[in-house]
Amino acid sequence: MVVIQNSINDSSINEANLVDTLQRVIDDLGKGESELLIRIVDKDEIQELNKTYRHQDKPTNVLSFESDFPIEIDEATLGDVVICSEVVSTEAKEQNKIFDDHLMHMAVHGILHLLGYDHVDSADAKKMESLEIKILEKIKIANPYQ
């Protein structure tokens, strides 16, 4: 189940579309029974989270936080994906992308981090990007890396 928490009441976010599309994505990834929280935040909040958890004192587009339930609690929770819509909007304009497409890409990127994918080295980055492209293509979003 996908839950959107739009803490800044950003009206540019099509929450129903985001929920429906991301539910299909996690279904396709075999995690459809899991709970996923997508939290939309402002630059100050994402900068504070980035500073606290990644030791980078700057805003970023997306952060992922795995569920920290103890194994004894049988909860199917993927975790939280925190997205700064202002950063995503700025990036979309700079990269000549459609805001909704870039937002969806950032959400998919965050979900893949929750599933253990990363882009620390070039081999892992290539693997993650290939999967992102495949997922986005399935939901009719062009390759974001071109």
N, C-alpha and C. Protein backbone atom coordinates (compact mmCIF):
# COMPACT_ATOMS: atom_id res chain seq x y z
N MET A 1 0.83 -1.17 0.00
CA MET A 1 0.00 0.00 0.00
C MET A 1 0.89 1.25 0.00
N VAL A 2 0.62 2.14 -0.91
CA VAL A 2 1.38 3.39 -1.02
C VAL A 2 0.59 4.50 -0.31
N VAL A 3 1.29 5.21 0.56
CA VAL A 3 0.70 6.32 1.30
C VAL A 3 1.49 7.57 0.96
N ILE A 4 0.78 8.65 0.61
CA ILE A 4 1.43 9.93 0.34
C ILE A 4 1.22 10.84 1.54
N GLN A 5 2.29 11.43 2.00
CA GLN A 5 2.20 12.43 3.07
C GLN A 5 2.77 13.72 2.49
N ASN A 6 1.88 14.59 2.05
CA ASN A 6 2.26 15.86 1.43
C ASN A 6 2.28 16.92 2.52
N SER A 7 3.33 16.91 3.31
CA SER A 7 3.40 17.75 4.51
C SER A 7 3.41 19.25 4.20
N ILE A 8 3.73 19.60 2.97
CA ILE A 8 3.78 21.02 2.60
C ILE A 8 2.57 21.42 1.74
N ASN A 9 1.64 20.47 1.58
CA ASN A 9 0.43 20.73 0.78
C ASN A 9 0.76 21.29 -0.59
N ASP A 10 1.72 20.65 -1.26
CA ASP A 10 2.13 21.07 -2.60
C ASP A 10 1.06 20.62 -3.59
N SER A 11 0.33 21.59 -4.12
CA SER A 11 -0.79 21.29 -5.03
C SER A 11 -0.32 20.86 -6.42
N SER A 12 0.98 20.96 -6.69
CA SER A 12 1.49 20.50 -7.99
C SER A 12 1.64 18.98 -8.03
N ILE A 13 1.48 18.34 -6.90
CA ILE A 13 1.62 16.88 -6.81
C ILE A 13 0.27 16.23 -7.10
N ASN A 14 0.23 15.39 -8.12
CA ASN A 14 -0.97 14.61 -8.43
C ASN A 14 -0.90 13.35 -7.57
N GLU A 15 -1.43 13.46 -6.36
CA GLU A 15 -1.27 12.39 -5.38
C GLU A 15 -1.93 11.08 -5.82
N ALA A 16 -3.11 11.16 -6.42
CA ALA A 16 -3.82 9.95 -6.85
C ALA A 16 -3.00 9.21 -7.91
N ASN A 17 -2.46 9.94 -8.87
CA ASN A 17 -1.63 9.32 -9.91
C ASN A 17 -0.36 8.73 -9.32
N LEU A 18 0.24 9.44 -8.39
CA LEU A 18 1.47 8.96 -7.75
C LEU A 18 1.20 7.65 -7.01
N VAL A 19 0.10 7.60 -6.25
CA VAL A 19 -0.25 6.38 -5.51
C VAL A 19 -0.51 5.23 -6.48
N ASP A 20 -1.36 5.47 -7.48
CA ASP A 20 -1.71 4.40 -8.43
C ASP A 20 -0.49 3.86 -9.17
N THR A 21 0.33 4.77 -9.66
CA THR A 21 1.50 4.35 -10.44
C THR A 21 2.52 3.63 -9.57
N LEU A 22 2.80 4.16 -8.40
CA LEU A 22 3.79 3.53 -7.53
C LEU A 22 3.29 2.19 -6.99
N GLN A 23 1.98 2.05 -6.82
CA GLN A 23 1.45 0.75 -6.41
C GLN A 23 1.71 -0.28 -7.50
N ARG A 24 1.51 0.11 -8.76
CA ARG A 24 1.81 -0.81 -9.87
C ARG A 24 3.30 -1.16 -9.89
N VAL A 25 4.14 -0.17 -9.63
CA VAL A 25 5.59 -0.40 -9.63
C VAL A 25 5.96 -1.40 -8.55
N ILE A 26 5.48 -1.20 -7.32
CA ILE A 26 5.87 -2.14 -6.26
C ILE A 26 5.21 -3.51 -6.46
N ASP A 27 4.03 -3.54 -7.09
CA ASP A 27 3.42 -4.83 -7.45
C ASP A 27 4.36 -5.57 -8.40
N ASP A 28 4.83 -4.86 -9.44
CA ASP A 28 5.71 -5.47 -10.44
C ASP A 28 7.04 -5.93 -9.82
N LEU A 29 7.46 -5.26 -8.76
CA LEU A 29 8.71 -5.62 -8.10
C LEU A 29 8.51 -6.71 -7.04
N GLY A 30 7.28 -7.22 -6.94
CA GLY A 30 6.98 -8.29 -5.99
C GLY A 30 6.83 -7.81 -4.56
N LYS A 31 6.58 -6.53 -4.38
CA LYS A 31 6.46 -5.96 -3.03
C LYS A 31 5.11 -5.27 -2.82
N GLY A 32 4.11 -5.68 -3.60
CA GLY A 32 2.81 -5.02 -3.59
C GLY A 32 2.07 -5.06 -2.28
N GLU A 33 2.37 -6.03 -1.42
CA GLU A 33 1.71 -6.12 -0.12
C GLU A 33 2.38 -5.25 0.94
N SER A 34 3.52 -4.68 0.58
CA SER A 34 4.27 -3.86 1.52
C SER A 34 3.72 -2.44 1.59
N GLU A 35 3.95 -1.81 2.73
CA GLU A 35 3.58 -0.41 2.88
C GLU A 35 4.77 0.45 2.49
N LEU A 36 4.48 1.49 1.73
CA LEU A 36 5.49 2.45 1.29
C LEU A 36 4.97 3.85 1.57
N LEU A 37 5.74 4.63 2.28
CA LEU A 37 5.37 6.02 2.54
C LEU A 37 6.19 6.92 1.64
N ILE A 38 5.50 7.79 0.89
CA ILE A 38 6.14 8.83 0.09
C ILE A 38 5.84 10.14 0.81
N ARG A 39 6.88 10.79 1.27
CA ARG A 39 6.70 12.04 2.02
C ARG A 39 7.24 13.20 1.19
N ILE A 40 6.39 14.18 0.92
CA ILE A 40 6.76 15.37 0.16
C ILE A 40 7.11 16.48 1.16
N VAL A 41 8.32 17.02 1.04
CA VAL A 41 8.80 18.00 2.02
C VAL A 41 9.40 19.22 1.34
N ASP A 42 9.71 20.22 2.15
CA ASP A 42 10.35 21.43 1.64
C ASP A 42 11.87 21.31 1.73
N LYS A 43 12.54 22.32 1.21
CA LYS A 43 14.01 22.29 1.17
C LYS A 43 14.65 22.25 2.56
N ASP A 44 14.06 22.97 3.51
CA ASP A 44 14.64 22.99 4.86
C ASP A 44 14.62 21.60 5.49
N GLU A 45 13.48 20.90 5.33
CA GLU A 45 13.38 19.58 5.94
C GLU A 45 14.32 18.57 5.28
N ILE A 46 14.37 18.59 3.96
CA ILE A 46 15.25 17.61 3.30
C ILE A 46 16.71 17.93 3.57
N GLN A 47 17.05 19.21 3.69
CA GLN A 47 18.42 19.56 4.02
C GLN A 47 18.78 19.07 5.42
N GLU A 48 17.87 19.21 6.36
CA GLU A 48 18.12 18.75 7.72
C GLU A 48 18.28 17.22 7.75
N LEU A 49 17.42 16.51 7.02
CA LEU A 49 17.54 15.05 6.94
C LEU A 49 18.85 14.64 6.28
N ASN A 50 19.21 15.33 5.20
CA ASN A 50 20.45 15.03 4.49
C ASN A 50 21.67 15.28 5.39
N LYS A 51 21.61 16.35 6.15
CA LYS A 51 22.69 16.68 7.08
C LYS A 51 22.79 15.64 8.19
N THR A 52 21.65 15.25 8.75
CA THR A 52 21.63 14.31 9.86
C THR A 52 22.04 12.90 9.45
N TYR A 53 21.52 12.43 8.32
CA TYR A 53 21.72 11.02 7.95
C TYR A 53 22.82 10.78 6.92
N ARG A 54 23.16 11.80 6.14
CA ARG A 54 24.20 11.60 5.11
C ARG A 54 25.38 12.54 5.31
N HIS A 55 25.30 13.38 6.32
CA HIS A 55 26.36 14.33 6.65
C HIS A 55 26.68 15.27 5.50
N GLN A 56 25.62 15.63 4.76
CA GLN A 56 25.75 16.60 3.67
C GLN A 56 24.77 17.74 3.94
N ASP A 57 25.30 18.89 4.25
CA ASP A 57 24.48 20.03 4.65
C ASP A 57 23.99 20.80 3.43
N LYS A 58 23.11 20.16 2.66
CA LYS A 58 22.53 20.79 1.48
C LYS A 58 21.23 20.07 1.13
N PRO A 59 20.35 20.76 0.45
CA PRO A 59 19.12 20.08 0.01
C PRO A 59 19.44 19.06 -1.07
N THR A 60 18.59 18.07 -1.19
CA THR A 60 18.73 17.04 -2.21
C THR A 60 17.34 16.71 -2.75
N ASN A 61 17.27 15.91 -3.80
CA ASN A 61 15.98 15.62 -4.41
C ASN A 61 15.23 14.51 -3.69
N VAL A 62 15.93 13.44 -3.30
CA VAL A 62 15.24 12.29 -2.70
C VAL A 62 16.15 11.59 -1.69
N LEU A 63 15.54 11.10 -0.62
CA LEU A 63 16.22 10.28 0.37
C LEU A 63 15.34 9.08 0.67
N SER A 64 15.97 7.97 0.98
CA SER A 64 15.23 6.75 1.31
C SER A 64 15.62 6.28 2.70
N PHE A 65 14.61 5.81 3.44
CA PHE A 65 14.83 5.31 4.78
C PHE A 65 14.15 3.96 4.91
N GLU A 66 14.96 2.91 5.06
CA GLU A 66 14.41 1.57 5.21
C GLU A 66 13.63 1.47 6.51
N SER A 67 12.66 0.58 6.51
CA SER A 67 11.89 0.31 7.72
C SER A 67 12.82 -0.20 8.81
N ASP A 68 12.59 0.25 10.03
CA ASP A 68 13.44 -0.20 11.13
C ASP A 68 12.66 -1.02 12.15
N PHE A 69 11.56 -1.65 11.68
CA PHE A 69 10.82 -2.53 12.58
C PHE A 69 11.70 -3.72 12.95
N PRO A 70 11.66 -4.12 14.21
CA PRO A 70 12.39 -5.35 14.59
C PRO A 70 11.81 -6.54 13.83
N ILE A 71 12.63 -7.54 13.59
CA ILE A 71 12.21 -8.71 12.82
C ILE A 71 11.01 -9.42 13.46
N GLU A 72 10.89 -9.28 14.79
CA GLU A 72 9.79 -9.92 15.51
C GLU A 72 8.43 -9.34 15.11
N ILE A 73 8.43 -8.11 14.66
CA ILE A 73 7.18 -7.47 14.22
C ILE A 73 7.02 -7.80 12.75
N ASP A 74 6.01 -8.58 12.47
CA ASP A 74 5.79 -9.07 11.10
C ASP A 74 5.05 -8.01 10.28
N GLU A 75 5.74 -6.96 9.93
CA GLU A 75 5.16 -5.88 9.13
C GLU A 75 5.85 -5.85 7.77
N ALA A 76 5.06 -5.85 6.73
CA ALA A 76 5.61 -5.74 5.38
C ALA A 76 5.72 -4.26 5.02
N THR A 77 6.79 -3.65 5.46
CA THR A 77 6.99 -2.23 5.23
C THR A 77 8.30 -2.02 4.49
N LEU A 78 8.22 -1.40 3.31
CA LEU A 78 9.44 -1.10 2.55
C LEU A 78 10.22 0.00 3.24
N GLY A 79 9.54 1.05 3.64
CA GLY A 79 10.19 2.19 4.26
C GLY A 79 9.60 3.48 3.75
N ASP A 80 10.39 4.55 3.88
CA ASP A 80 9.94 5.88 3.50
C ASP A 80 10.84 6.44 2.40
N VAL A 81 10.20 7.09 1.44
CA VAL A 81 10.91 7.84 0.41
C VAL A 81 10.52 9.29 0.62
N VAL A 82 11.51 10.13 0.89
CA VAL A 82 11.29 11.55 1.15
C VAL A 82 11.75 12.32 -0.07
N ILE A 83 10.83 13.12 -0.62
CA ILE A 83 11.11 13.86 -1.85
C ILE A 83 10.90 15.35 -1.62
N CYS A 84 11.85 16.15 -2.05
CA CYS A 84 11.70 17.61 -2.00
C CYS A 84 11.17 18.07 -3.35
N SER A 85 9.91 18.44 -3.39
CA SER A 85 9.29 18.82 -4.67
C SER A 85 9.92 20.08 -5.26
N GLU A 86 10.40 20.97 -4.42
CA GLU A 86 11.05 22.19 -4.94
C GLU A 86 12.34 21.86 -5.68
N VAL A 87 13.15 20.98 -5.12
CA VAL A 87 14.38 20.56 -5.79
C VAL A 87 14.05 19.81 -7.07
N VAL A 88 13.06 18.92 -7.02
CA VAL A 88 12.67 18.15 -8.20
C VAL A 88 12.16 19.09 -9.29
N SER A 89 11.39 20.09 -8.91
CA SER A 89 10.88 21.06 -9.88
C SER A 89 12.02 21.85 -10.54
N THR A 90 12.96 22.30 -9.73
CA THR A 90 14.11 23.04 -10.26
C THR A 90 14.91 22.17 -11.22
N GLU A 91 15.17 20.93 -10.82
CA GLU A 91 15.92 20.01 -11.68
C GLU A 91 15.17 19.74 -12.99
N ALA A 92 13.86 19.56 -12.89
CA ALA A 92 13.06 19.30 -14.10
C ALA A 92 13.19 20.45 -15.08
N LYS A 93 13.12 21.68 -14.58
CA LYS A 93 13.26 22.85 -15.46
C LYS A 93 14.66 22.90 -16.07
N GLU A 94 15.68 22.70 -15.24
CA GLU A 94 17.07 22.76 -15.72
C GLU A 94 17.36 21.68 -16.75
N GLN A 95 16.71 20.53 -16.61
CA GLN A 95 16.98 19.38 -17.48
C GLN A 95 15.93 19.21 -18.58
N ASN A 96 15.05 20.21 -18.71
CA ASN A 96 13.98 20.17 -19.71
C ASN A 96 13.15 18.89 -19.62
N LYS A 97 12.75 18.56 -18.40
CA LYS A 97 11.92 17.38 -18.14
C LYS A 97 10.56 17.83 -17.64
N ILE A 98 9.59 16.95 -17.81
CA ILE A 98 8.26 17.20 -17.27
C ILE A 98 8.32 16.92 -15.77
N PHE A 99 7.77 17.85 -14.99
CA PHE A 99 7.84 17.73 -13.53
C PHE A 99 7.32 16.37 -13.05
N ASP A 100 6.13 15.96 -13.49
CA ASP A 100 5.54 14.70 -13.04
C ASP A 100 6.43 13.50 -13.38
N ASP A 101 7.07 13.54 -14.54
CA ASP A 101 7.96 12.45 -14.93
C ASP A 101 9.20 12.41 -14.03
N HIS A 102 9.76 13.57 -13.75
CA HIS A 102 10.95 13.62 -12.91
C HIS A 102 10.61 13.22 -11.47
N LEU A 103 9.45 13.66 -11.00
CA LEU A 103 8.99 13.26 -9.67
C LEU A 103 8.84 11.74 -9.59
N MET A 104 8.24 11.15 -10.60
CA MET A 104 8.06 9.70 -10.62
C MET A 104 9.42 9.00 -10.66
N HIS A 105 10.36 9.54 -11.45
CA HIS A 105 11.70 8.97 -11.49
C HIS A 105 12.34 9.00 -10.11
N MET A 106 12.23 10.11 -9.41
CA MET A 106 12.83 10.22 -8.08
C MET A 106 12.18 9.23 -7.11
N ALA A 107 10.86 9.03 -7.23
CA ALA A 107 10.16 8.06 -6.38
C ALA A 107 10.65 6.65 -6.68
N VAL A 108 10.76 6.30 -7.95
CA VAL A 108 11.26 4.97 -8.34
C VAL A 108 12.69 4.80 -7.86
N HIS A 109 13.50 5.82 -8.03
CA HIS A 109 14.90 5.78 -7.57
C HIS A 109 14.94 5.49 -6.07
N GLY A 110 14.11 6.18 -5.32
CA GLY A 110 14.06 5.98 -3.87
C GLY A 110 13.61 4.58 -3.50
N ILE A 111 12.62 4.06 -4.21
CA ILE A 111 12.12 2.70 -3.96
C ILE A 111 13.24 1.69 -4.20
N LEU A 112 13.99 1.86 -5.27
CA LEU A 112 15.07 0.92 -5.57
C LEU A 112 16.14 0.94 -4.47
N HIS A 113 16.39 2.11 -3.90
CA HIS A 113 17.32 2.16 -2.76
C HIS A 113 16.77 1.32 -1.60
N LEU A 114 15.46 1.39 -1.37
CA LEU A 114 14.85 0.60 -0.30
C LEU A 114 15.00 -0.90 -0.55
N LEU A 115 15.10 -1.26 -1.82
CA LEU A 115 15.24 -2.67 -2.19
C LEU A 115 16.69 -3.12 -2.28
N GLY A 116 17.62 -2.22 -1.87
CA GLY A 116 19.03 -2.60 -1.81
C GLY A 116 19.88 -2.17 -2.98
N TYR A 117 19.29 -1.50 -3.95
CA TYR A 117 20.09 -1.01 -5.08
C TYR A 117 20.83 0.25 -4.68
N ASP A 118 21.98 0.47 -5.32
CA ASP A 118 22.77 1.65 -5.02
C ASP A 118 23.55 2.06 -6.26
N HIS A 119 24.21 3.20 -6.17
CA HIS A 119 24.98 3.71 -7.31
C HIS A 119 26.33 4.24 -6.84
N VAL A 120 26.89 3.56 -5.85
CA VAL A 120 28.18 3.98 -5.30
C VAL A 120 29.30 3.77 -6.30
N ASP A 121 29.31 2.59 -6.93
CA ASP A 121 30.33 2.37 -7.96
C ASP A 121 29.65 2.24 -9.32
N SER A 122 30.43 2.31 -10.37
CA SER A 122 29.86 2.38 -11.72
C SER A 122 29.09 1.11 -12.11
N ALA A 123 29.50 -0.05 -11.66
CA ALA A 123 28.78 -1.29 -11.99
C ALA A 123 27.40 -1.29 -11.34
N ASP A 124 27.35 -0.90 -10.06
CA ASP A 124 26.07 -0.83 -9.36
C ASP A 124 25.19 0.25 -9.96
N ALA A 125 25.80 1.39 -10.32
CA ALA A 125 25.04 2.48 -10.92
C ALA A 125 24.40 2.04 -12.24
N LYS A 126 25.16 1.33 -13.04
CA LYS A 126 24.64 0.86 -14.33
C LYS A 126 23.47 -0.09 -14.13
N LYS A 127 23.60 -0.99 -13.16
CA LYS A 127 22.54 -1.95 -12.86
C LYS A 127 21.27 -1.22 -12.39
N MET A 128 21.45 -0.25 -11.49
CA MET A 128 20.31 0.49 -10.96
C MET A 128 19.66 1.33 -12.05
N GLU A 129 20.47 2.04 -12.83
CA GLU A 129 19.93 2.88 -13.91
C GLU A 129 19.18 2.04 -14.94
N SER A 130 19.69 0.87 -15.26
CA SER A 130 19.01 -0.02 -16.22
C SER A 130 17.64 -0.41 -15.72
N LEU A 131 17.55 -0.73 -14.45
CA LEU A 131 16.26 -1.09 -13.87
C LEU A 131 15.32 0.11 -13.82
N GLU A 132 15.84 1.27 -13.47
CA GLU A 132 15.03 2.49 -13.48
C GLU A 132 14.45 2.74 -14.87
N ILE A 133 15.29 2.65 -15.88
CA ILE A 133 14.85 2.88 -17.26
C ILE A 133 13.75 1.90 -17.64
N LYS A 134 13.93 0.65 -17.28
CA LYS A 134 12.94 -0.39 -17.59
C LYS A 134 11.60 -0.10 -16.89
N ILE A 135 11.65 0.24 -15.63
CA ILE A 135 10.44 0.55 -14.86
C ILE A 135 9.74 1.77 -15.45
N LEU A 136 10.51 2.83 -15.70
CA LEU A 136 9.93 4.07 -16.22
C LEU A 136 9.34 3.86 -17.61
N GLU A 137 10.01 3.07 -18.43
CA GLU A 137 9.49 2.79 -19.77
C GLU A 137 8.12 2.11 -19.68
N LYS A 138 7.99 1.22 -18.72
CA LYS A 138 6.73 0.50 -18.53
C LYS A 138 5.59 1.44 -18.15
N ILE A 139 5.91 2.55 -17.49
CA ILE A 139 4.88 3.52 -17.12
C ILE A 139 4.92 4.76 -18.05
N LYS A 140 5.52 4.54 -19.21
CA LYS A 140 5.51 5.53 -20.30
C LYS A 140 6.25 6.82 -19.98
N ILE A 141 7.40 6.67 -19.31
CA ILE A 141 8.28 7.81 -19.04
C ILE A 141 9.60 7.54 -19.75
N ALA A 142 10.04 8.53 -20.50
CA ALA A 142 11.26 8.39 -21.30
C ALA A 142 12.49 8.18 -20.42
N ASN A 143 13.52 7.59 -21.01
CA ASN A 143 14.79 7.37 -20.34
C ASN A 143 15.31 8.70 -19.77
N PRO A 144 15.41 8.83 -18.45
CA PRO A 144 15.85 10.09 -17.86
C PRO A 144 17.34 10.34 -17.98
N TYR A 145 18.09 9.34 -18.45
CA TYR A 145 19.54 9.48 -18.53
C TYR A 145 20.02 9.88 -19.92
N GLN A 146 19.10 10.15 -20.82
CA GLN A 146 19.49 10.57 -22.18
C GLN A 146 19.47 12.07 -22.28
